[in-house]
Amino acid sequence: MENVPSIKKDDNFIDFVNKLKEMKYKVNFKVINIANWNAPQMRRRLILIASKISKIEITEKQSKKFKTIKEAIKI
């Protein structure tokens, strides 16, 4: 299953989240622009975090300058 924003509507993803919740995990997921997290590409990706201790908030970090592929591989 490819990690694209529409995955959150997929039955397999929904089943996975429900299974985590059945196992007493606190689950949070959000679609973010990964360029804001220093990935050298402008893509929206779904991030899922699960914890048995407490729900973890996913913030949309805002980067002032996006990293290029050239910077990432240090050419």
C-alpha atoms as a PDB file:
ATOM      1  CA  MET A   1       0.000   0.000   0.000  1.00  0.00           C
ATOM      2  CA  GLU A   2       1.553   3.308  -1.053  1.00  0.00           C
ATOM      3  CA  ASN A   3       1.690   6.130   1.469  1.00  0.00           C
ATOM      4  CA  VAL A   4      -0.501   8.793  -0.114  1.00  0.00           C
ATOM      5  CA  PRO A   5      -3.060  11.033   1.624  1.00  0.00           C
ATOM      6  CA  SER A   6      -5.996   9.005   0.317  1.00  0.00           C
ATOM      7  CA  ILE A   7      -4.733   5.932   2.188  1.00  0.00           C
ATOM      8  CA  LYS A   8      -6.730   7.068   5.235  1.00  0.00           C
ATOM      9  CA  LYS A   9      -9.900   6.038   3.388  1.00  0.00           C
ATOM     10  CA  ASP A  10      -8.578   2.569   2.510  1.00  0.00           C
ATOM     11  CA  ASP A  11     -10.246  -0.374   4.274  1.00  0.00           C
ATOM     12  CA  ASN A  12      -6.869  -1.945   5.128  1.00  0.00           C
ATOM     13  CA  PHE A  13      -5.676   1.262   6.777  1.00  0.00           C
ATOM     14  CA  ILE A  14      -8.930   1.657   8.709  1.00  0.00           C
ATOM     15  CA  ASP A  15      -8.688  -1.979   9.866  1.00  0.00           C
ATOM     16  CA  PHE A  16      -5.078  -1.405  10.942  1.00  0.00           C
ATOM     17  CA  VAL A  17      -6.011   1.684  12.985  1.00  0.00           C
ATOM     18  CA  ASN A  18      -8.929  -0.150  14.568  1.00  0.00           C
ATOM     19  CA  LYS A  19      -6.706  -3.110  15.457  1.00  0.00           C
ATOM     20  CA  LEU A  20      -4.236  -0.765  17.154  1.00  0.00           C
ATOM     21  CA  LYS A  21      -7.078   0.790  19.135  1.00  0.00           C
ATOM     22  CA  GLU A  22      -8.359  -2.670  20.135  1.00  0.00           C
ATOM     23  CA  MET A  23      -4.862  -3.330  21.494  1.00  0.00           C
ATOM     24  CA  LYS A  24      -5.248  -0.189  23.655  1.00  0.00           C
ATOM     25  CA  TYR A  25      -2.994   2.076  21.586  1.00  0.00           C
ATOM     26  CA  LYS A  26      -3.715   5.784  21.375  1.00  0.00           C
ATOM     27  CA  VAL A  27      -3.576   6.473  17.637  1.00  0.00           C
ATOM     28  CA  ASN A  28      -3.092   9.721  15.804  1.00  0.00           C
ATOM     29  CA  PHE A  29      -2.558  10.275  12.105  1.00  0.00           C
ATOM     30  CA  LYS A  30      -2.307  13.333   9.905  1.00  0.00           C
ATOM     31  CA  VAL A  31      -1.432  14.258   6.333  1.00  0.00           C
ATOM     32  CA  ILE A  32       1.568  16.597   6.242  1.00  0.00           C
ATOM     33  CA  ASN A  33       3.831  18.166   3.630  1.00  0.00           C
ATOM     34  CA  ILE A  34       7.114  16.356   4.227  1.00  0.00           C
ATOM     35  CA  ALA A  35       9.134  19.256   2.769  1.00  0.00           C
ATOM     36  CA  ASN A  36       8.387  21.005   6.063  1.00  0.00           C
ATOM     37  CA  TRP A  37      10.325  18.217   7.794  1.00  0.00           C
ATOM     38  CA  ASN A  38      13.504  18.680   5.683  1.00  0.00           C
ATOM     39  CA  ALA A  39      12.722  15.957   3.157  1.00  0.00           C
ATOM     40  CA  PRO A  40      13.945  17.087  -0.265  1.00  0.00           C
ATOM     41  CA  GLN A  41      10.584  16.765  -2.002  1.00  0.00           C
ATOM     42  CA  MET A  42       7.225  18.507  -1.965  1.00  0.00           C
ATOM     43  CA  ARG A  43       4.881  15.656  -1.107  1.00  0.00           C
ATOM     44  CA  ARG A  44       1.985  15.153   1.208  1.00  0.00           C
ATOM     45  CA  ARG A  45       2.320  12.022   3.284  1.00  0.00           C
ATOM     46  CA  LEU A  46       0.257  10.412   5.985  1.00  0.00           C
ATOM     47  CA  ILE A  47       2.056  10.067   9.308  1.00  0.00           C
ATOM     48  CA  LEU A  48       0.723   7.634  11.927  1.00  0.00           C
ATOM     49  CA  ILE A  49       1.898   7.528  15.525  1.00  0.00           C
ATOM     50  CA  ALA A  50       0.622   5.042  18.104  1.00  0.00           C
ATOM     51  CA  SER A  51       1.448   4.906  21.797  1.00  0.00           C
ATOM     52  CA  LYS A  52       0.240   2.911  24.769  1.00  0.00           C
ATOM     53  CA  ILE A  53       1.105   5.784  27.134  1.00  0.00           C
ATOM     54  CA  SER A  54      -0.719   8.794  25.694  1.00  0.00           C
ATOM     55  CA  LYS A  55      -1.891  10.318  22.445  1.00  0.00           C
ATOM     56  CA  ILE A  56       0.926  12.078  20.605  1.00  0.00           C
ATOM     57  CA  GLU A  57       0.007  15.208  18.685  1.00  0.00           C
ATOM     58  CA  ILE A  58       1.398  15.635  15.184  1.00  0.00           C
ATOM     59  CA  THR A  59       2.253  19.240  14.480  1.00  0.00           C
ATOM     60  CA  GLU A  60       2.720  20.724  11.031  1.00  0.00           C
ATOM     61  CA  LYS A  61       6.244  22.049  11.323  1.00  0.00           C
ATOM     62  CA  GLN A  62       6.808  25.050   9.074  1.00  0.00           C
ATOM     63  CA  SER A  63      10.181  25.290   7.399  1.00  0.00           C
ATOM     64  CA  LYS A  64      11.354  28.664   6.104  1.00  0.00           C
ATOM     65  CA  LYS A  65      13.586  27.135   3.443  1.00  0.00           C
ATOM     66  CA  PHE A  66      12.991  23.826   1.766  1.00  0.00           C
ATOM     67  CA  LYS A  67      15.905  21.450   1.249  1.00  0.00           C
ATOM     68  CA  THR A  68      16.800  20.537  -2.331  1.00  0.00           C
ATOM     69  CA  ILE A  69      17.904  17.082  -3.448  1.00  0.00           C
ATOM     70  CA  LYS A  70      21.353  18.538  -4.150  1.00  0.00           C
ATOM     71  CA  GLU A  71      21.574  19.742  -0.536  1.00  0.00           C
ATOM     72  CA  ALA A  72      20.300  16.405   0.780  1.00  0.00           C
ATOM     73  CA  ILE A  73      22.933  14.327  -1.002  1.00  0.00           C
ATOM     74  CA  LYS A  74      25.600  17.044  -0.582  1.00  0.00           C
ATOM     75  CA  ILE A  75      26.815  17.262  -4.164  1.00  0.00           C
END
